[in-house]
């Protein structure tokens, strides 16, 4: 279903559905992977890397997770809420 939405260019609908799944199943890596794909298609660079960071953290790949969050922060086009979330998760992972 998500891939069909993305093929139709309906990234907002796909992202909304995936965020709801992540709230109910936060440890399901496939949702994070698909959400990253959705943000990539929507050209939302900071959130794409933020979500990849979360995915890598779930996989236990901490250096990769931290690097993705640094890339997300350096993209510089995140809104205040997104930037704050990125910063908070980056500090948490670095600890």
PDB file of N, CA and C in Angstrom:
ATOM      1  N   UNK A   1       0.820  -1.195   0.000  1.00  0.00           N
ATOM      2  CA  UNK A   1       0.000   0.000   0.000  1.00  0.00           C
ATOM      3  C   UNK A   1       0.864   1.257   0.000  1.00  0.00           C
ATOM      4  N   UNK A   2       1.886   1.280   0.823  1.00  0.00           N
ATOM      5  CA  UNK A   2       2.741   2.465   0.907  1.00  0.00           C
ATOM      6  C   UNK A   2       3.474   2.684  -0.409  1.00  0.00           C
ATOM      7  N   UNK A   3       4.018   1.634  -0.977  1.00  0.00           N
ATOM      8  CA  UNK A   3       4.711   1.792  -2.263  1.00  0.00           C
ATOM      9  C   UNK A   3       3.769   2.315  -3.340  1.00  0.00           C
ATOM     10  N   UNK A   4       2.506   1.889  -3.322  1.00  0.00           N
ATOM     11  CA  UNK A   4       1.525   2.390  -4.292  1.00  0.00           C
ATOM     12  C   UNK A   4       1.278   3.880  -4.079  1.00  0.00           C
ATOM     13  N   UNK A   5       1.153   4.297  -2.823  1.00  0.00           N
ATOM     14  CA  UNK A   5       0.968   5.723  -2.520  1.00  0.00           C
ATOM     15  C   UNK A   5       2.165   6.532  -3.010  1.00  0.00           C
ATOM     16  N   UNK A   6       3.353   6.020  -2.788  1.00  0.00           N
ATOM     17  CA  UNK A   6       4.550   6.739  -3.206  1.00  0.00           C
ATOM     18  C   UNK A   6       4.653   6.808  -4.728  1.00  0.00           C
ATOM     19  N   UNK A   7       4.264   5.751  -5.416  1.00  0.00           N
ATOM     20  CA  UNK A   7       4.291   5.776  -6.884  1.00  0.00           C
ATOM     21  C   UNK A   7       3.342   6.828  -7.441  1.00  0.00           C
ATOM     22  N   UNK A   8       2.268   7.083  -6.708  1.00  0.00           N
ATOM     23  CA  UNK A   8       1.306   8.111  -7.127  1.00  0.00           C
ATOM     24  C   UNK A   8       1.716   9.503  -6.655  1.00  0.00           C
ATOM     25  N   UNK A   9       2.857   9.597  -5.961  1.00  0.00           N
ATOM     26  CA  UNK A   9       3.327  10.892  -5.479  1.00  0.00           C
ATOM     27  C   UNK A   9       2.604  11.383  -4.244  1.00  0.00           C
ATOM     28  N   UNK A  10       1.947  10.506  -3.556  1.00  0.00           N
ATOM     29  CA  UNK A  10       1.170  10.875  -2.369  1.00  0.00           C
ATOM     30  C   UNK A  10       2.008  10.680  -1.109  1.00  0.00           C
ATOM     31  N   UNK A  11       3.081  11.454  -1.035  1.00  0.00           N
ATOM     32  CA  UNK A  11       4.028  11.298   0.072  1.00  0.00           C
ATOM     33  C   UNK A  11       3.419  11.713   1.406  1.00  0.00           C
ATOM     34  N   UNK A  12       2.573  12.737   1.426  1.00  0.00           N
ATOM     35  CA  UNK A  12       1.959  13.150   2.697  1.00  0.00           C
ATOM     36  C   UNK A  12       1.081  12.057   3.271  1.00  0.00           C
ATOM     37  N   UNK A  13       0.287  11.419   2.422  1.00  0.00           N
ATOM     38  CA  UNK A  13      -0.572  10.342   2.886  1.00  0.00           C
ATOM     39  C   UNK A  13       0.256   9.170   3.394  1.00  0.00           C
ATOM     40  N   UNK A  14       1.298   8.820   2.646  1.00  0.00           N
ATOM     41  CA  UNK A  14       2.172   7.718   3.056  1.00  0.00           C
ATOM     42  C   UNK A  14       2.848   8.037   4.387  1.00  0.00           C
ATOM     43  N   UNK A  15       3.367   9.247   4.521  1.00  0.00           N
ATOM     44  CA  UNK A  15       4.057   9.636   5.755  1.00  0.00           C
ATOM     45  C   UNK A  15       3.112   9.619   6.950  1.00  0.00           C
ATOM     46  N   UNK A  16       1.910  10.125   6.757  1.00  0.00           N
ATOM     47  CA  UNK A  16       0.924  10.144   7.847  1.00  0.00           C
ATOM     48  C   UNK A  16       0.609   8.735   8.312  1.00  0.00           C
ATOM     49  N   UNK A  17       0.375   7.828   7.380  1.00  0.00           N
ATOM     50  CA  UNK A  17       0.070   6.445   7.723  1.00  0.00           C
ATOM     51  C   UNK A  17       1.251   5.799   8.444  1.00  0.00           C
ATOM     52  N   UNK A  18       2.455   6.032   7.924  1.00  0.00           N
ATOM     53  CA  UNK A  18       3.647   5.424   8.521  1.00  0.00           C
ATOM     54  C   UNK A  18       3.922   5.962   9.923  1.00  0.00           C
ATOM     55  N   UNK A  19       3.729   7.249  10.134  1.00  0.00           N
ATOM     56  CA  UNK A  19       3.935   7.818  11.480  1.00  0.00           C
ATOM     57  C   UNK A  19       2.967   7.198  12.480  1.00  0.00           C
ATOM     58  N   UNK A  20       1.731   6.940  12.045  1.00  0.00           N
ATOM     59  CA  UNK A  20       0.761   6.275  12.929  1.00  0.00           C
ATOM     60  C   UNK A  20       1.228   4.865  13.263  1.00  0.00           C
ATOM     61  N   UNK A  21       1.759   4.145  12.289  1.00  0.00           N
ATOM     62  CA  UNK A  21       2.267   2.793  12.546  1.00  0.00           C
ATOM     63  C   UNK A  21       3.450   2.847  13.499  1.00  0.00           C
ATOM     64  N   UNK A  22       4.324   3.830  13.306  1.00  0.00           N
ATOM     65  CA  UNK A  22       5.505   3.951  14.174  1.00  0.00           C
ATOM     66  C   UNK A  22       5.092   4.261  15.609  1.00  0.00           C
ATOM     67  N   UNK A  23       4.047   5.055  15.788  1.00  0.00           N
ATOM     68  CA  UNK A  23       3.576   5.327  17.154  1.00  0.00           C
ATOM     69  C   UNK A  23       3.099   4.043  17.838  1.00  0.00           C
ATOM     70  N   UNK A  24       2.478   3.160  17.074  1.00  0.00           N
ATOM     71  CA  UNK A  24       1.976   1.926  17.678  1.00  0.00           C
ATOM     72  C   UNK A  24       3.006   0.797  17.688  1.00  0.00           C
ATOM     73  N   UNK A  25       3.964   0.847  16.763  1.00  0.00           N
ATOM     74  CA  UNK A  25       5.005  -0.188  16.669  1.00  0.00           C
ATOM     75  C   UNK A  25       6.373   0.476  16.453  1.00  0.00           C
ATOM     76  N   UNK A  26       6.890   1.173  17.466  1.00  0.00           N
ATOM     77  CA  UNK A  26       8.115   1.959  17.276  1.00  0.00           C
ATOM     78  C   UNK A  26       9.373   1.142  16.976  1.00  0.00           C
ATOM     79  N   UNK A  27       9.356  -0.132  17.260  1.00  0.00           N
ATOM     80  CA  UNK A  27      10.546  -0.961  17.026  1.00  0.00           C
ATOM     81  C   UNK A  27      10.510  -1.711  15.702  1.00  0.00           C
ATOM     82  N   UNK A  28       9.526  -1.441  14.879  1.00  0.00           N
ATOM     83  CA  UNK A  28       9.383  -2.117  13.588  1.00  0.00           C
ATOM     84  C   UNK A  28      10.208  -1.371  12.537  1.00  0.00           C
ATOM     85  N   UNK A  29      11.352  -1.929  12.205  1.00  0.00           N
ATOM     86  CA  UNK A  29      12.322  -1.272  11.319  1.00  0.00           C
ATOM     87  C   UNK A  29      11.747  -0.986   9.937  1.00  0.00           C
ATOM     88  N   UNK A  30      10.879  -1.839   9.447  1.00  0.00           N
ATOM     89  CA  UNK A  30      10.336  -1.644   8.100  1.00  0.00           C
ATOM     90  C   UNK A  30       9.573  -0.321   7.994  1.00  0.00           C
ATOM     91  N   UNK A  31       8.862   0.098   9.057  1.00  0.00           N
ATOM     92  CA  UNK A  31       8.146   1.375   9.010  1.00  0.00           C
ATOM     93  C   UNK A  31       9.129   2.531   8.889  1.00  0.00           C
ATOM     94  N   UNK A  32      10.225   2.456   9.623  1.00  0.00           N
ATOM     95  CA  UNK A  32      11.240   3.509   9.551  1.00  0.00           C
ATOM     96  C   UNK A  32      11.862   3.568   8.155  1.00  0.00           C
ATOM     97  N   UNK A  33      12.121   2.420   7.562  1.00  0.00           N
ATOM     98  CA  UNK A  33      12.696   2.379   6.215  1.00  0.00           C
ATOM     99  C   UNK A  33      11.756   3.011   5.199  1.00  0.00           C
ATOM    100  N   UNK A  34      10.483   2.659   5.287  1.00  0.00           N
ATOM    101  CA  UNK A  34       9.508   3.222   4.347  1.00  0.00           C
ATOM    102  C   UNK A  34       9.289   4.714   4.571  1.00  0.00           C
ATOM    103  N   UNK A  35       9.331   5.145   5.831  1.00  0.00           N
ATOM    104  CA  UNK A  35       9.180   6.573   6.104  1.00  0.00           C
ATOM    105  C   UNK A  35      10.366   7.353   5.541  1.00  0.00           C
ATOM    106  N   UNK A  36      11.541   6.792   5.642  1.00  0.00           N
ATOM    107  CA  UNK A  36      12.721   7.419   5.042  1.00  0.00           C
ATOM    108  C   UNK A  36      12.544   7.557   3.536  1.00  0.00           C
ATOM    109  N   UNK A  37      12.029   6.512   2.918  1.00  0.00           N
ATOM    110  CA  UNK A  37      11.771   6.538   1.473  1.00  0.00           C
ATOM    111  C   UNK A  37      10.751   7.621   1.123  1.00  0.00           C
ATOM    112  N   UNK A  38       9.734   7.754   1.942  1.00  0.00           N
ATOM    113  CA  UNK A  38       8.706   8.771   1.718  1.00  0.00           C
ATOM    114  C   UNK A  38       9.293  10.181   1.828  1.00  0.00           C
ATOM    115  N   UNK A  39      10.091  10.422   2.863  1.00  0.00           N
ATOM    116  CA  UNK A  39      10.732  11.730   3.013  1.00  0.00           C
ATOM    117  C   UNK A  39      11.713  11.996   1.873  1.00  0.00           C
ATOM    118  N   UNK A  40      12.405  10.972   1.423  1.00  0.00           N
ATOM    119  CA  UNK A  40      13.323  11.131   0.294  1.00  0.00           C
ATOM    120  C   UNK A  40      12.558  11.566  -0.951  1.00  0.00           C
ATOM    121  N   UNK A  41      11.460  10.911  -1.217  1.00  0.00           N
ATOM    122  CA  UNK A  41      10.666  11.263  -2.388  1.00  0.00           C
ATOM    123  C   UNK A  41      10.082  12.667  -2.273  1.00  0.00           C
ATOM    124  N   UNK A  42       9.793  13.105  -1.056  1.00  0.00           N
ATOM    125  CA  UNK A  42       9.252  14.442  -0.826  1.00  0.00           C
ATOM    126  C   UNK A  42      10.352  15.507  -0.760  1.00  0.00           C
ATOM    127  N   UNK A  43      11.602  15.106  -0.948  1.00  0.00           N
ATOM    128  CA  UNK A  43      12.759  16.004  -0.866  1.00  0.00           C
ATOM    129  C   UNK A  43      12.894  16.685   0.496  1.00  0.00           C
ATOM    130  N   UNK A  44      12.522  15.974   1.545  1.00  0.00           N
ATOM    131  CA  UNK A  44      12.678  16.473   2.903  1.00  0.00           C
ATOM    132  C   UNK A  44      13.965  15.867   3.463  1.00  0.00           C
ATOM    133  N   UNK A  45      15.075  16.510   3.141  1.00  0.00           N
ATOM    134  CA  UNK A  45      16.403  15.975   3.465  1.00  0.00           C
ATOM    135  C   UNK A  45      16.621  15.793   4.968  1.00  0.00           C
ATOM    136  N   UNK A  46      16.334  16.792   5.802  1.00  0.00           N
ATOM    137  CA  UNK A  46      16.601  16.590   7.228  1.00  0.00           C
ATOM    138  C   UNK A  46      15.823  15.417   7.822  1.00  0.00           C
ATOM    139  N   UNK A  47      14.535  15.324   7.484  1.00  0.00           N
ATOM    140  CA  UNK A  47      13.740  14.250   8.064  1.00  0.00           C
ATOM    141  C   UNK A  47      14.118  12.888   7.488  1.00  0.00           C
ATOM    142  N   UNK A  48      14.546  12.842   6.245  1.00  0.00           N
ATOM    143  CA  UNK A  48      15.018  11.572   5.677  1.00  0.00           C
ATOM    144  C   UNK A  48      16.183  11.034   6.504  1.00  0.00           C
ATOM    145  N   UNK A  49      17.146  11.913   6.797  1.00  0.00           N
ATOM    146  CA  UNK A  49      18.320  11.475   7.553  1.00  0.00           C
ATOM    147  C   UNK A  49      17.996  11.224   9.017  1.00  0.00           C
ATOM    148  N   UNK A  50      17.081  12.002   9.573  1.00  0.00           N
ATOM    149  CA  UNK A  50      16.647  11.785  10.952  1.00  0.00           C
ATOM    150  C   UNK A  50      16.040  10.387  11.088  1.00  0.00           C
ATOM    151  N   UNK A  51      15.148  10.037  10.170  1.00  0.00           N
ATOM    152  CA  UNK A  51      14.484   8.738  10.205  1.00  0.00           C
ATOM    153  C   UNK A  51      15.492   7.610   9.968  1.00  0.00           C
ATOM    154  N   UNK A  52      16.439   7.820   9.059  1.00  0.00           N
ATOM    155  CA  UNK A  52      17.491   6.810   8.865  1.00  0.00           C
ATOM    156  C   UNK A  52      18.289   6.618  10.155  1.00  0.00           C
ATOM    157  N   UNK A  53      18.554   7.712  10.852  1.00  0.00           N
ATOM    158  CA  UNK A  53      19.254   7.622  12.132  1.00  0.00           C
ATOM    159  C   UNK A  53      18.490   6.777  13.137  1.00  0.00           C
ATOM    160  N   UNK A  54      17.180   6.977  13.196  1.00  0.00           N
ATOM    161  CA  UNK A  54      16.347   6.182  14.097  1.00  0.00           C
ATOM    162  C   UNK A  54      16.379   4.701  13.699  1.00  0.00           C
ATOM    163  N   UNK A  55      16.310   4.438  12.411  1.00  0.00           N
ATOM    164  CA  UNK A  55      16.360   3.060  11.907  1.00  0.00           C
ATOM    165  C   UNK A  55      17.688   2.406  12.294  1.00  0.00           C
ATOM    166  N   UNK A  56      18.805   3.109  12.057  1.00  0.00           N
ATOM    167  CA  UNK A  56      20.112   2.549  12.394  1.00  0.00           C
ATOM    168  C   UNK A  56      20.250   2.314  13.902  1.00  0.00           C
ATOM    169  N   UNK A  57      19.680   3.206  14.698  1.00  0.00           N
ATOM    170  CA  UNK A  57      19.735   3.024  16.153  1.00  0.00           C
ATOM    171  C   UNK A  57      19.000   1.749  16.557  1.00  0.00           C
ATOM    172  N   UNK A  58      17.840   1.517  15.948  1.00  0.00           N
ATOM    173  CA  UNK A  58      17.099   0.276  16.240  1.00  0.00           C
ATOM    174  C   UNK A  58      17.890  -0.960  15.852  1.00  0.00           C
ATOM    175  N   UNK A  59      18.697  -0.832  14.816  1.00  0.00           N
ATOM    176  CA  UNK A  59      19.525  -1.952  14.363  1.00  0.00           C
ATOM    177  C   UNK A  59      20.802  -2.093  15.195  1.00  0.00           C
ATOM    178  N   UNK A  60      21.051  -1.123  16.082  1.00  0.00           N
ATOM    179  CA  UNK A  60      22.252  -1.170  16.912  1.00  0.00           C
ATOM    180  C   UNK A  60      23.480  -0.590  16.247  1.00  0.00           C
ATOM    181  N   UNK A  61      23.310   0.081  15.126  1.00  0.00           N
ATOM    182  CA  UNK A  61      24.426   0.685  14.392  1.00  0.00           C
ATOM    183  C   UNK A  61      24.580   2.139  14.849  1.00  0.00           C
ATOM    184  N   UNK A  62      25.071   2.313  16.070  1.00  0.00           N
ATOM    185  CA  UNK A  62      25.124   3.641  16.692  1.00  0.00           C
ATOM    186  C   UNK A  62      25.975   4.652  15.929  1.00  0.00           C
ATOM    187  N   UNK A  63      27.184   4.316  15.462  1.00  0.00           N
ATOM    188  CA  UNK A  63      27.952   5.320  14.706  1.00  0.00           C
ATOM    189  C   UNK A  63      27.208   5.797  13.449  1.00  0.00           C
ATOM    190  N   UNK A  64      26.557   4.888  12.757  1.00  0.00           N
ATOM    191  CA  UNK A  64      25.785   5.269  11.566  1.00  0.00           C
ATOM    192  C   UNK A  64      24.584   6.123  11.950  1.00  0.00           C
ATOM    193  N   UNK A  65      23.939   5.790  13.062  1.00  0.00           N
ATOM    194  CA  UNK A  65      22.790   6.559  13.532  1.00  0.00           C
ATOM    195  C   UNK A  65      23.204   7.994  13.854  1.00  0.00           C
ATOM    196  N   UNK A  66      24.304   8.146  14.562  1.00  0.00           N
ATOM    197  CA  UNK A  66      24.794   9.481  14.921  1.00  0.00           C
ATOM    198  C   UNK A  66      25.167  10.265  13.675  1.00  0.00           C
ATOM    199  N   UNK A  67      25.816   9.620  12.728  1.00  0.00           N
ATOM    200  CA  UNK A  67      26.199  10.291  11.483  1.00  0.00           C
ATOM    201  C   UNK A  67      24.967  10.782  10.720  1.00  0.00           C
ATOM    202  N   UNK A  68      23.930   9.968  10.671  1.00  0.00           N
ATOM    203  CA  UNK A  68      22.704  10.389   9.970  1.00  0.00           C
ATOM    204  C   UNK A  68      22.062  11.591  10.653  1.00  0.00           C
ATOM    205  N   UNK A  69      22.077  11.620  11.974  1.00  0.00           N
ATOM    206  CA  UNK A  69      21.521  12.773  12.685  1.00  0.00           C
ATOM    207  C   UNK A  69      22.376  14.027  12.471  1.00  0.00           C
ATOM    208  N   UNK A  70      23.673  13.858  12.377  1.00  0.00           N
ATOM    209  CA  UNK A  70      24.535  15.012  12.064  1.00  0.00           C
ATOM    210  C   UNK A  70      24.238  15.545  10.667  1.00  0.00           C
ATOM    211  N   UNK A  71      24.041  14.639   9.718  1.00  0.00           N
ATOM    212  CA  UNK A  71      23.689  15.062   8.355  1.00  0.00           C
ATOM    213  C   UNK A  71      22.341  15.782   8.371  1.00  0.00           C
ATOM    214  N   UNK A  72      21.391  15.254   9.120  1.00  0.00           N
ATOM    215  CA  UNK A  72      20.068  15.881   9.212  1.00  0.00           C
ATOM    216  C   UNK A  72      20.184  17.297   9.751  1.00  0.00           C
ATOM    217  N   UNK A  73      21.000  17.457  10.788  1.00  0.00           N
ATOM    218  CA  UNK A  73      21.160  18.791  11.405  1.00  0.00           C
ATOM    219  C   UNK A  73      21.876  19.735  10.456  1.00  0.00           C
ATOM    220  N   UNK A  74      22.863  19.249   9.727  1.00  0.00           N
ATOM    221  CA  UNK A  74      23.644  20.095   8.810  1.00  0.00           C
ATOM    222  C   UNK A  74      22.843  20.511   7.581  1.00  0.00           C
ATOM    223  N   UNK A  75      21.765  19.798   7.282  1.00  0.00           N
ATOM    224  CA  UNK A  75      20.958  20.141   6.098  1.00  0.00           C
ATOM    225  C   UNK A  75      20.378  21.541   6.227  1.00  0.00           C
ATOM    226  N   UNK A  76      20.119  21.982   7.453  1.00  0.00           N
ATOM    227  CA  UNK A  76      19.744  23.360   7.711  1.00  0.00           C
ATOM    228  C   UNK A  76      18.385  23.812   7.222  1.00  0.00           C
ATOM    229  N   UNK A  77      17.554  22.934   6.713  1.00  0.00           N
ATOM    230  CA  UNK A  77      16.246  23.362   6.223  1.00  0.00           C
ATOM    231  C   UNK A  77      15.100  22.828   7.076  1.00  0.00           C
ATOM    232  N   UNK A  78      15.414  22.293   8.237  1.00  0.00           N
ATOM    233  CA  UNK A  78      14.381  21.784   9.137  1.00  0.00           C
ATOM    234  C   UNK A  78      13.667  22.948   9.810  1.00  0.00           C
ATOM    235  N   UNK A  79      12.382  22.757  10.102  1.00  0.00           N
ATOM    236  CA  UNK A  79      11.678  23.779  10.872  1.00  0.00           C
ATOM    237  C   UNK A  79      12.116  23.671  12.337  1.00  0.00           C
ATOM    238  N   UNK A  80      11.626  24.573  13.176  1.00  0.00           N
ATOM    239  CA  UNK A  80      12.063  24.608  14.570  1.00  0.00           C
ATOM    240  C   UNK A  80      11.799  23.288  15.283  1.00  0.00           C
ATOM    241  N   UNK A  81      10.601  22.737  15.107  1.00  0.00           N
ATOM    242  CA  UNK A  81      10.242  21.481  15.776  1.00  0.00           C
ATOM    243  C   UNK A  81      11.141  20.343  15.311  1.00  0.00           C
ATOM    244  N   UNK A  82      11.337  20.227  14.012  1.00  0.00           N
ATOM    245  CA  UNK A  82      12.194  19.166  13.476  1.00  0.00           C
ATOM    246  C   UNK A  82      13.624  19.335  13.972  1.00  0.00           C
ATOM    247  N   UNK A  83      14.139  20.556  13.929  1.00  0.00           N
ATOM    248  CA  UNK A  83      15.498  20.818  14.399  1.00  0.00           C
ATOM    249  C   UNK A  83      15.680  20.470  15.863  1.00  0.00           C
ATOM    250  N   UNK A  84      14.673  20.796  16.673  1.00  0.00           N
ATOM    251  CA  UNK A  84      14.734  20.480  18.104  1.00  0.00           C
ATOM    252  C   UNK A  84      14.745  18.968  18.333  1.00  0.00           C
ATOM    253  N   UNK A  85      13.921  18.254  17.583  1.00  0.00           N
ATOM    254  CA  UNK A  85      13.878  16.790  17.701  1.00  0.00           C
ATOM    255  C   UNK A  85      15.207  16.169  17.288  1.00  0.00           C
ATOM    256  N   UNK A  86      15.750  16.675  16.192  1.00  0.00           N
ATOM    257  CA  UNK A  86      17.041  16.168  15.715  1.00  0.00           C
ATOM    258  C   UNK A  86      18.120  16.398  16.763  1.00  0.00           C
ATOM    259  N   UNK A  87      18.188  17.619  17.294  1.00  0.00           N
ATOM    260  CA  UNK A  87      19.188  17.941  18.312  1.00  0.00           C
ATOM    261  C   UNK A  87      19.049  17.060  19.547  1.00  0.00           C
ATOM    262  N   UNK A  88      17.820  16.880  20.016  1.00  0.00           N
ATOM    263  CA  UNK A  88      17.594  16.079  21.221  1.00  0.00           C
ATOM    264  C   UNK A  88      18.019  14.628  21.011  1.00  0.00           C
ATOM    265  N   UNK A  89      17.654  14.056  19.884  1.00  0.00           N
ATOM    266  CA  UNK A  89      18.040  12.671  19.618  1.00  0.00           C
ATOM    267  C   UNK A  89      19.545  12.532  19.409  1.00  0.00           C
ATOM    268  N   UNK A  90      20.148  13.515  18.785  1.00  0.00           N
ATOM    269  CA  UNK A  90      21.595  13.475  18.584  1.00  0.00           C
ATOM    270  C   UNK A  90      22.323  13.483  19.924  1.00  0.00           C
ATOM    271  N   UNK A  91      21.908  14.375  20.832  1.00  0.00           N
ATOM    272  CA  UNK A  91      22.534  14.418  22.168  1.00  0.00           C
ATOM    273  C   UNK A  91      22.325  13.095  22.911  1.00  0.00           C
ATOM    274  N   UNK A  92      21.123  12.544  22.807  1.00  0.00           N
ATOM    275  CA  UNK A  92      20.819  11.294  23.485  1.00  0.00           C
ATOM    276  C   UNK A  92      21.679  10.148  22.946  1.00  0.00           C
ATOM    277  N   UNK A  93      21.834  10.072  21.641  1.00  0.00           N
ATOM    278  CA  UNK A  93      22.628   8.991  21.044  1.00  0.00           C
ATOM    279  C   UNK A  93      24.111   9.151  21.338  1.00  0.00           C
ATOM    280  N   UNK A  94      24.583  10.367  21.394  1.00  0.00           N
ATOM    281  CA  UNK A  94      25.991  10.589  21.679  1.00  0.00           C
ATOM    282  C   UNK A  94      26.335  10.174  23.095  1.00  0.00           C
ATOM    283  N   UNK A  95      25.367  10.270  23.997  1.00  0.00           N
ATOM    284  CA  UNK A  95      25.610   9.821  25.383  1.00  0.00           C
ATOM    285  C   UNK A  95      25.735   8.330  25.385  1.00  0.00           C
TER     286      UNK A  95
END
